[in-house]
Amino acid sequence: MKLSARNQLKGTVLSIEEGAVNGIVKLDIGGGNVITSTISMAAIRELGLRVGGTAYAVIKATSVMMAVDD
Protein backbone atom coordinates (compact mmCIF):
# COMPACT_ATOMS: atom_id res chain seq x y z
CA MET A 1 0.00 0.00 0.00
CA LYS A 2 1.19 3.52 -0.82
CA LEU A 3 -0.05 6.63 0.98
CA SER A 4 0.24 10.33 0.23
CA ALA A 5 0.84 11.12 3.91
CA ARG A 6 4.53 11.84 4.44
CA ASN A 7 4.53 11.36 8.21
CA GLN A 8 4.58 7.58 8.58
CA LEU A 9 6.15 6.55 11.87
CA LYS A 10 6.84 2.85 12.47
CA GLY A 11 6.67 1.57 16.01
CA THR A 12 5.71 -1.11 18.49
CA VAL A 13 2.29 -1.21 20.13
CA LEU A 14 2.81 -0.58 23.86
CA SER A 15 -0.77 -0.78 25.02
CA ILE A 16 -4.39 -0.92 23.90
CA GLU A 17 -7.04 0.43 26.26
CA GLU A 18 -10.33 -1.00 25.05
CA GLY A 19 -13.57 0.93 25.34
CA ALA A 20 -17.15 0.27 24.26
CA VAL A 21 -16.74 2.06 20.91
CA ASN A 22 -13.17 3.40 20.75
CA GLY A 23 -9.80 2.25 22.01
CA ILE A 24 -6.64 4.14 22.94
CA VAL A 25 -3.52 2.77 21.27
CA LYS A 26 -0.01 3.75 22.39
CA LEU A 27 2.80 3.28 19.87
CA ASP A 28 6.50 3.43 20.82
CA ILE A 29 8.30 5.07 17.89
CA GLY A 30 11.72 5.01 19.54
CA GLY A 31 13.92 7.55 21.27
CA GLY A 32 11.55 7.69 24.22
CA ASN A 33 8.72 8.94 21.99
CA VAL A 34 5.21 7.51 22.24
CA ILE A 35 2.29 8.40 19.97
CA THR A 36 -1.22 7.95 21.36
CA SER A 37 -4.24 7.58 19.08
CA THR A 38 -7.94 7.03 19.69
CA ILE A 39 -9.43 4.78 17.02
CA SER A 40 -12.53 2.63 16.78
CA MET A 41 -12.55 -0.85 18.29
CA ALA A 42 -13.63 -2.10 14.86
CA ALA A 43 -10.42 -0.65 13.37
CA ILE A 44 -8.31 -2.20 16.15
CA ARG A 45 -9.80 -5.60 15.35
CA GLU A 46 -9.61 -5.18 11.54
CA LEU A 47 -5.94 -4.14 11.73
CA GLY A 48 -5.16 -7.00 14.11
CA LEU A 49 -3.41 -4.63 16.51
CA ARG A 50 -1.85 -6.34 19.51
CA VAL A 51 0.59 -5.35 22.23
CA GLY A 52 4.12 -6.03 21.02
CA GLY A 53 3.06 -5.93 17.37
CA THR A 54 4.35 -3.53 14.73
CA ALA A 55 2.18 -0.70 13.42
CA TYR A 56 2.52 2.70 11.79
CA ALA A 57 1.25 6.07 12.98
CA VAL A 58 0.21 7.89 9.81
CA ILE A 59 -0.25 11.62 10.31
CA LYS A 60 -1.93 13.78 7.67
CA ALA A 61 -2.92 17.25 8.76
CA THR A 62 -3.73 20.40 6.85
CA SER A 63 -3.06 22.58 9.87
CA VAL A 64 -1.23 22.38 13.18
CA MET A 65 -2.17 24.75 16.00
CA MET A 66 0.21 26.21 18.56
CA ALA A 67 -0.71 27.61 21.97
CA VAL A 68 0.94 29.23 24.99
CA ASP A 69 -0.18 29.83 28.55
CA ASP A 70 -1.63 33.29 29.36
PDB file of N, CA and C in Angstrom:
ATOM      1  N   MET A   1       0.839  -1.173   0.000  1.00  0.00           N
ATOM      2  CA  MET A   1       0.000   0.000   0.000  1.00  0.00           C
ATOM      3  C   MET A   1       0.886   1.239   0.000  1.00  0.00           C
ATOM      4  N   LYS A   2       0.505   2.237  -0.793  1.00  0.00           N
ATOM      5  CA  LYS A   2       1.192   3.521  -0.818  1.00  0.00           C
ATOM      6  C   LYS A   2       0.233   4.585  -0.327  1.00  0.00           C
ATOM      7  N   LEU A   3       0.770   5.544   0.436  1.00  0.00           N
ATOM      8  CA  LEU A   3      -0.048   6.628   0.980  1.00  0.00           C
ATOM      9  C   LEU A   3       0.562   7.969   0.611  1.00  0.00           C
ATOM     10  N   SER A   4      -0.271   8.992   0.504  1.00  0.00           N
ATOM     11  CA  SER A   4       0.235  10.333   0.229  1.00  0.00           C
ATOM     12  C   SER A   4       0.769  11.004   1.493  1.00  0.00           C
ATOM     13  N   ALA A   5       0.374  10.523   2.656  1.00  0.00           N
ATOM     14  CA  ALA A   5       0.840  11.115   3.912  1.00  0.00           C
ATOM     15  C   ALA A   5       2.337  10.879   4.057  1.00  0.00           C
ATOM     16  N   ARG A   6       3.076  11.938   4.327  1.00  0.00           N
ATOM     17  CA  ARG A   6       4.531  11.837   4.444  1.00  0.00           C
ATOM     18  C   ARG A   6       4.993  11.450   5.848  1.00  0.00           C
ATOM     19  N   ASN A   7       4.160  11.666   6.831  1.00  0.00           N
ATOM     20  CA  ASN A   7       4.534  11.356   8.210  1.00  0.00           C
ATOM     21  C   ASN A   7       4.048   9.958   8.567  1.00  0.00           C
ATOM     22  N   GLN A   8       4.891   8.975   8.280  1.00  0.00           N
ATOM     23  CA  GLN A   8       4.584   7.577   8.576  1.00  0.00           C
ATOM     24  C   GLN A   8       5.636   7.079   9.562  1.00  0.00           C
ATOM     25  N   LEU A   9       5.229   6.879  10.793  1.00  0.00           N
ATOM     26  CA  LEU A   9       6.154   6.546  11.874  1.00  0.00           C
ATOM     27  C   LEU A   9       5.931   5.110  12.325  1.00  0.00           C
ATOM     28  N   LYS A  10       6.928   4.265  12.097  1.00  0.00           N
ATOM     29  CA  LYS A  10       6.840   2.853  12.465  1.00  0.00           C
ATOM     30  C   LYS A  10       7.159   2.685  13.946  1.00  0.00           C
ATOM     31  N   GLY A  11       6.423   1.795  14.597  1.00  0.00           N
ATOM     32  CA  GLY A  11       6.670   1.572  16.009  1.00  0.00           C
ATOM     33  C   GLY A  11       6.105   0.263  16.504  1.00  0.00           C
ATOM     34  N   THR A  12       6.201   0.092  17.809  1.00  0.00           N
ATOM     35  CA  THR A  12       5.713  -1.107  18.488  1.00  0.00           C
ATOM     36  C   THR A  12       4.550  -0.727  19.388  1.00  0.00           C
ATOM     37  N   VAL A  13       3.470  -1.486  19.306  1.00  0.00           N
ATOM     38  CA  VAL A  13       2.291  -1.209  20.131  1.00  0.00           C
ATOM     39  C   VAL A  13       2.635  -1.496  21.593  1.00  0.00           C
ATOM     40  N   LEU A  14       2.524  -0.449  22.423  1.00  0.00           N
ATOM     41  CA  LEU A  14       2.812  -0.581  23.861  1.00  0.00           C
ATOM     42  C   LEU A  14       1.587  -1.024  24.642  1.00  0.00           C
ATOM     43  N   SER A  15       0.440  -0.448  24.274  1.00  0.00           N
ATOM     44  CA  SER A  15      -0.774  -0.784  25.016  1.00  0.00           C
ATOM     45  C   SER A  15      -2.000  -0.477  24.171  1.00  0.00           C
ATOM     46  N   ILE A  16      -3.084  -1.172  24.506  1.00  0.00           N
ATOM     47  CA  ILE A  16      -4.393  -0.920  23.902  1.00  0.00           C
ATOM     48  C   ILE A  16      -5.402  -0.894  25.037  1.00  0.00           C
ATOM     49  N   GLU A  17      -6.011   0.274  25.231  1.00  0.00           N
ATOM     50  CA  GLU A  17      -7.044   0.426  26.260  1.00  0.00           C
ATOM     51  C   GLU A  17      -8.391   0.336  25.558  1.00  0.00           C
ATOM     52  N   GLU A  18      -9.081  -0.765  25.758  1.00  0.00           N
ATOM     53  CA  GLU A  18     -10.330  -1.004  25.046  1.00  0.00           C
ATOM     54  C   GLU A  18     -11.507  -0.301  25.713  1.00  0.00           C
ATOM     55  N   GLY A  19     -12.346   0.304  24.868  1.00  0.00           N
ATOM     56  CA  GLY A  19     -13.572   0.926  25.336  1.00  0.00           C
ATOM     57  C   GLY A  19     -14.755   0.302  24.626  1.00  0.00           C
ATOM     58  N   ALA A  20     -15.939   0.820  24.887  1.00  0.00           N
ATOM     59  CA  ALA A  20     -17.146   0.274  24.261  1.00  0.00           C
ATOM     60  C   ALA A  20     -17.158   0.517  22.757  1.00  0.00           C
ATOM     61  N   VAL A  21     -16.724   1.698  22.331  1.00  0.00           N
ATOM     62  CA  VAL A  21     -16.742   2.058  20.913  1.00  0.00           C
ATOM     63  C   VAL A  21     -15.333   2.320  20.385  1.00  0.00           C
ATOM     64  N   ASN A  22     -14.531   3.042  21.149  1.00  0.00           N
ATOM     65  CA  ASN A  22     -13.172   3.398  20.749  1.00  0.00           C
ATOM     66  C   ASN A  22     -12.140   2.777  21.679  1.00  0.00           C
ATOM     67  N   GLY A  23     -10.915   2.709  21.195  1.00  0.00           N
ATOM     68  CA  GLY A  23      -9.798   2.255  22.011  1.00  0.00           C
ATOM     69  C   GLY A  23      -8.660   3.256  21.921  1.00  0.00           C
ATOM     70  N   ILE A  24      -7.811   3.268  22.925  1.00  0.00           N
ATOM     71  CA  ILE A  24      -6.639   4.144  22.937  1.00  0.00           C
ATOM     72  C   ILE A  24      -5.422   3.264  22.726  1.00  0.00           C
ATOM     73  N   VAL A  25      -4.693   3.545  21.641  1.00  0.00           N
ATOM     74  CA  VAL A  25      -3.518   2.766  21.272  1.00  0.00           C
ATOM     75  C   VAL A  25      -2.273   3.617  21.480  1.00  0.00           C
ATOM     76  N   LYS A  26      -1.293   3.068  22.188  1.00  0.00           N
ATOM     77  CA  LYS A  26      -0.014   3.753  22.392  1.00  0.00           C
ATOM     78  C   LYS A  26       1.050   3.029  21.577  1.00  0.00           C
ATOM     79  N   LEU A  27       1.798   3.811  20.781  1.00  0.00           N
ATOM     80  CA  LEU A  27       2.802   3.279  19.873  1.00  0.00           C
ATOM     81  C   LEU A  27       4.156   3.869  20.205  1.00  0.00           C
ATOM     82  N   ASP A  28       5.126   3.008  20.526  1.00  0.00           N
ATOM     83  CA  ASP A  28       6.499   3.434  20.817  1.00  0.00           C
ATOM     84  C   ASP A  28       7.231   3.588  19.494  1.00  0.00           C
ATOM     85  N   ILE A  29       7.612   4.831  19.150  1.00  0.00           N
ATOM     86  CA  ILE A  29       8.303   5.069  17.885  1.00  0.00           C
ATOM     87  C   ILE A  29       9.808   5.261  18.085  1.00  0.00           C
ATOM     88  N   GLY A  30      10.290   4.952  19.264  1.00  0.00           N
ATOM     89  CA  GLY A  30      11.721   5.013  19.536  1.00  0.00           C
ATOM     90  C   GLY A  30      12.156   6.340  20.134  1.00  0.00           C
ATOM     91  N   GLY A  31      13.346   6.342  20.687  1.00  0.00           N
ATOM     92  CA  GLY A  31      13.915   7.554  21.266  1.00  0.00           C
ATOM     93  C   GLY A  31      13.123   8.105  22.431  1.00  0.00           C
ATOM     94  N   GLY A  32      12.358   7.239  23.100  1.00  0.00           N
ATOM     95  CA  GLY A  32      11.549   7.692  24.219  1.00  0.00           C
ATOM     96  C   GLY A  32      10.250   8.371  23.793  1.00  0.00           C
ATOM     97  N   ASN A  33       9.919   8.295  22.519  1.00  0.00           N
ATOM     98  CA  ASN A  33       8.720   8.945  21.988  1.00  0.00           C
ATOM     99  C   ASN A  33       7.575   7.946  21.833  1.00  0.00           C
ATOM    100  N   VAL A  34       6.408   8.343  22.324  1.00  0.00           N
ATOM    101  CA  VAL A  34       5.208   7.509  22.241  1.00  0.00           C
ATOM    102  C   VAL A  34       4.098   8.333  21.602  1.00  0.00           C
ATOM    103  N   ILE A  35       3.433   7.752  20.613  1.00  0.00           N
ATOM    104  CA  ILE A  35       2.287   8.395  19.968  1.00  0.00           C
ATOM    105  C   ILE A  35       1.033   7.694  20.481  1.00  0.00           C
ATOM    106  N   THR A  36       0.040   8.485  20.865  1.00  0.00           N
ATOM    107  CA  THR A  36      -1.219   7.948  21.355  1.00  0.00           C
ATOM    108  C   THR A  36      -2.322   8.320  20.374  1.00  0.00           C
ATOM    109  N   SER A  37      -3.159   7.346  20.030  1.00  0.00           N
ATOM    110  CA  SER A  37      -4.239   7.577  19.084  1.00  0.00           C
ATOM    111  C   SER A  37      -5.516   6.913  19.571  1.00  0.00           C
ATOM    112  N   THR A  38      -6.627   7.606  19.401  1.00  0.00           N
ATOM    113  CA  THR A  38      -7.936   7.034  19.693  1.00  0.00           C
ATOM    114  C   THR A  38      -8.557   6.607  18.373  1.00  0.00           C
ATOM    115  N   ILE A  39      -8.818   5.314  18.239  1.00  0.00           N
ATOM    116  CA  ILE A  39      -9.429   4.781  17.017  1.00  0.00           C
ATOM    117  C   ILE A  39     -10.558   3.832  17.420  1.00  0.00           C
ATOM    118  N   SER A  40     -11.387   3.491  16.467  1.00  0.00           N
ATOM    119  CA  SER A  40     -12.529   2.628  16.783  1.00  0.00           C
ATOM    120  C   SER A  40     -12.064   1.216  17.137  1.00  0.00           C
ATOM    121  N   MET A  41     -12.854   0.545  17.950  1.00  0.00           N
ATOM    122  CA  MET A  41     -12.552  -0.846  18.293  1.00  0.00           C
ATOM    123  C   MET A  41     -12.636  -1.713  17.043  1.00  0.00           C
ATOM    124  N   ALA A  42     -13.533  -1.346  16.120  1.00  0.00           N
ATOM    125  CA  ALA A  42     -13.631  -2.095  14.860  1.00  0.00           C
ATOM    126  C   ALA A  42     -12.315  -2.004  14.101  1.00  0.00           C
ATOM    127  N   ALA A  43     -11.699  -0.824  14.064  1.00  0.00           N
ATOM    128  CA  ALA A  43     -10.418  -0.650  13.375  1.00  0.00           C
ATOM    129  C   ALA A  43      -9.312  -1.439  14.068  1.00  0.00           C
ATOM    130  N   ILE A  44      -9.316  -1.433  15.393  1.00  0.00           N
ATOM    131  CA  ILE A  44      -8.308  -2.196  16.146  1.00  0.00           C
ATOM    132  C   ILE A  44      -8.396  -3.672  15.775  1.00  0.00           C
ATOM    133  N   ARG A  45      -9.612  -4.194  15.712  1.00  0.00           N
ATOM    134  CA  ARG A  45      -9.797  -5.604  15.348  1.00  0.00           C
ATOM    135  C   ARG A  45      -9.417  -5.860  13.886  1.00  0.00           C
ATOM    136  N   GLU A  46      -9.887  -4.996  12.973  1.00  0.00           N
ATOM    137  CA  GLU A  46      -9.610  -5.181  11.544  1.00  0.00           C
ATOM    138  C   GLU A  46      -8.120  -5.126  11.230  1.00  0.00           C
ATOM    139  N   LEU A  47      -7.387  -4.261  11.935  1.00  0.00           N
ATOM    140  CA  LEU A  47      -5.942  -4.141  11.731  1.00  0.00           C
ATOM    141  C   LEU A  47      -5.171  -5.246  12.447  1.00  0.00           C
ATOM    142  N   GLY A  48      -5.834  -5.948  13.352  1.00  0.00           N
ATOM    143  CA  GLY A  48      -5.158  -6.998  14.113  1.00  0.00           C
ATOM    144  C   GLY A  48      -4.123  -6.448  15.068  1.00  0.00           C
ATOM    145  N   LEU A  49      -4.373  -5.243  15.585  1.00  0.00           N
ATOM    146  CA  LEU A  49      -3.412  -4.631  16.506  1.00  0.00           C
ATOM    147  C   LEU A  49      -3.318  -5.454  17.779  1.00  0.00           C
ATOM    148  N   ARG A  50      -2.094  -5.610  18.269  1.00  0.00           N
ATOM    149  CA  ARG A  50      -1.850  -6.338  19.514  1.00  0.00           C
ATOM    150  C   ARG A  50      -0.610  -5.766  20.170  1.00  0.00           C
ATOM    151  N   VAL A  51      -0.571  -5.837  21.485  1.00  0.00           N
ATOM    152  CA  VAL A  51       0.591  -5.354  22.232  1.00  0.00           C
ATOM    153  C   VAL A  51       1.818  -6.136  21.780  1.00  0.00           C
ATOM    154  N   GLY A  52       2.881  -5.413  21.487  1.00  0.00           N
ATOM    155  CA  GLY A  52       4.123  -6.025  21.015  1.00  0.00           C
ATOM    156  C   GLY A  52       4.202  -6.111  19.502  1.00  0.00           C
ATOM    157  N   GLY A  53       3.081  -5.877  18.824  1.00  0.00           N
ATOM    158  CA  GLY A  53       3.061  -5.929  17.367  1.00  0.00           C
ATOM    159  C   GLY A  53       3.588  -4.641  16.750  1.00  0.00           C
ATOM    160  N   THR A  54       3.864  -4.691  15.467  1.00  0.00           N
ATOM    161  CA  THR A  54       4.348  -3.531  14.728  1.00  0.00           C
ATOM    162  C   THR A  54       3.183  -2.829  14.053  1.00  0.00           C
ATOM    163  N   ALA A  55       3.206  -1.502  14.078  1.00  0.00           N
ATOM    164  CA  ALA A  55       2.179  -0.697  13.417  1.00  0.00           C
ATOM    165  C   ALA A  55       2.806   0.630  12.999  1.00  0.00           C
ATOM    166  N   TYR A  56       2.079   1.384  12.225  1.00  0.00           N
ATOM    167  CA  TYR A  56       2.519   2.704  11.790  1.00  0.00           C
ATOM    168  C   TYR A  56       1.538   3.757  12.270  1.00  0.00           C
ATOM    169  N   ALA A  57       2.060   4.879  12.739  1.00  0.00           N
ATOM    170  CA  ALA A  57       1.252   6.066  12.981  1.00  0.00           C
ATOM    171  C   ALA A  57       1.359   6.875  11.701  1.00  0.00           C
ATOM    172  N   VAL A  58       0.233   7.117  11.048  1.00  0.00           N
ATOM    173  CA  VAL A  58       0.210   7.887   9.807  1.00  0.00           C
ATOM    174  C   VAL A  58      -0.477   9.207  10.114  1.00  0.00           C
ATOM    175  N   ILE A  59       0.251  10.302   9.923  1.00  0.00           N
ATOM    176  CA  ILE A  59      -0.249  11.620  10.307  1.00  0.00           C
ATOM    177  C   ILE A  59      -0.408  12.466   9.052  1.00  0.00           C
ATOM    178  N   LYS A  60      -1.635  12.916   8.814  1.00  0.00           N
ATOM    179  CA  LYS A  60      -1.930  13.778   7.666  1.00  0.00           C
ATOM    180  C   LYS A  60      -2.766  14.929   8.201  1.00  0.00           C
ATOM    181  N   ALA A  61      -2.201  16.103   8.222  1.00  0.00           N
ATOM    182  CA  ALA A  61      -2.922  17.254   8.756  1.00  0.00           C
ATOM    183  C   ALA A  61      -2.750  18.445   7.828  1.00  0.00           C
ATOM    184  N   THR A  62      -3.814  19.195   7.662  1.00  0.00           N
ATOM    185  CA  THR A  62      -3.726  20.400   6.848  1.00  0.00           C
ATOM    186  C   THR A  62      -3.359  21.615   7.683  1.00  0.00           C
ATOM    187  N   SER A  63      -3.461  21.484   8.999  1.00  0.00           N
ATOM    188  CA  SER A  63      -3.057  22.581   9.875  1.00  0.00           C
ATOM    189  C   SER A  63      -2.628  22.025  11.225  1.00  0.00           C
ATOM    190  N   VAL A  64      -1.688  22.720  11.837  1.00  0.00           N
ATOM    191  CA  VAL A  64      -1.228  22.382  13.180  1.00  0.00           C
ATOM    192  C   VAL A  64      -1.322  23.659  14.005  1.00  0.00           C
ATOM    193  N   MET A  65      -1.997  23.574  15.142  1.00  0.00           N
ATOM    194  CA  MET A  65      -2.167  24.748  15.999  1.00  0.00           C
ATOM    195  C   MET A  65      -1.106  24.785  17.075  1.00  0.00           C
ATOM    196  N   MET A  66      -0.714  25.972  17.461  1.00  0.00           N
ATOM    197  CA  MET A  66       0.214  26.211  18.562  1.00  0.00           C
ATOM    198  C   MET A  66      -0.502  27.018  19.631  1.00  0.00           C
ATOM    199  N   ALA A  67      -0.101  26.848  20.886  1.00  0.00           N
ATOM    200  CA  ALA A  67      -0.706  27.613  21.973  1.00  0.00           C
ATOM    201  C   ALA A  67       0.331  27.871  23.061  1.00  0.00           C
ATOM    202  N   VAL A  68       0.100  28.914  23.835  1.00  0.00           N
ATOM    203  CA  VAL A  68       0.942  29.230  24.992  1.00  0.00           C
ATOM    204  C   VAL A  68       0.032  29.561  26.165  1.00  0.00           C
ATOM    205  N   ASP A  69       0.577  29.440  27.363  1.00  0.00           N
ATOM    206  CA  ASP A  69      -0.180  29.830  28.554  1.00  0.00           C
ATOM    207  C   ASP A  69      -0.329  31.349  28.582  1.00  0.00           C
ATOM    208  N   ASP A  70      -1.415  31.829  29.202  1.00  0.00           N
ATOM    209  CA  ASP A  70      -1.634  33.288  29.357  1.00  0.00           C
ATOM    210  C   ASP A  70      -0.603  33.886  30.263  1.00  0.00           C
TER     211      ASP A  70
END
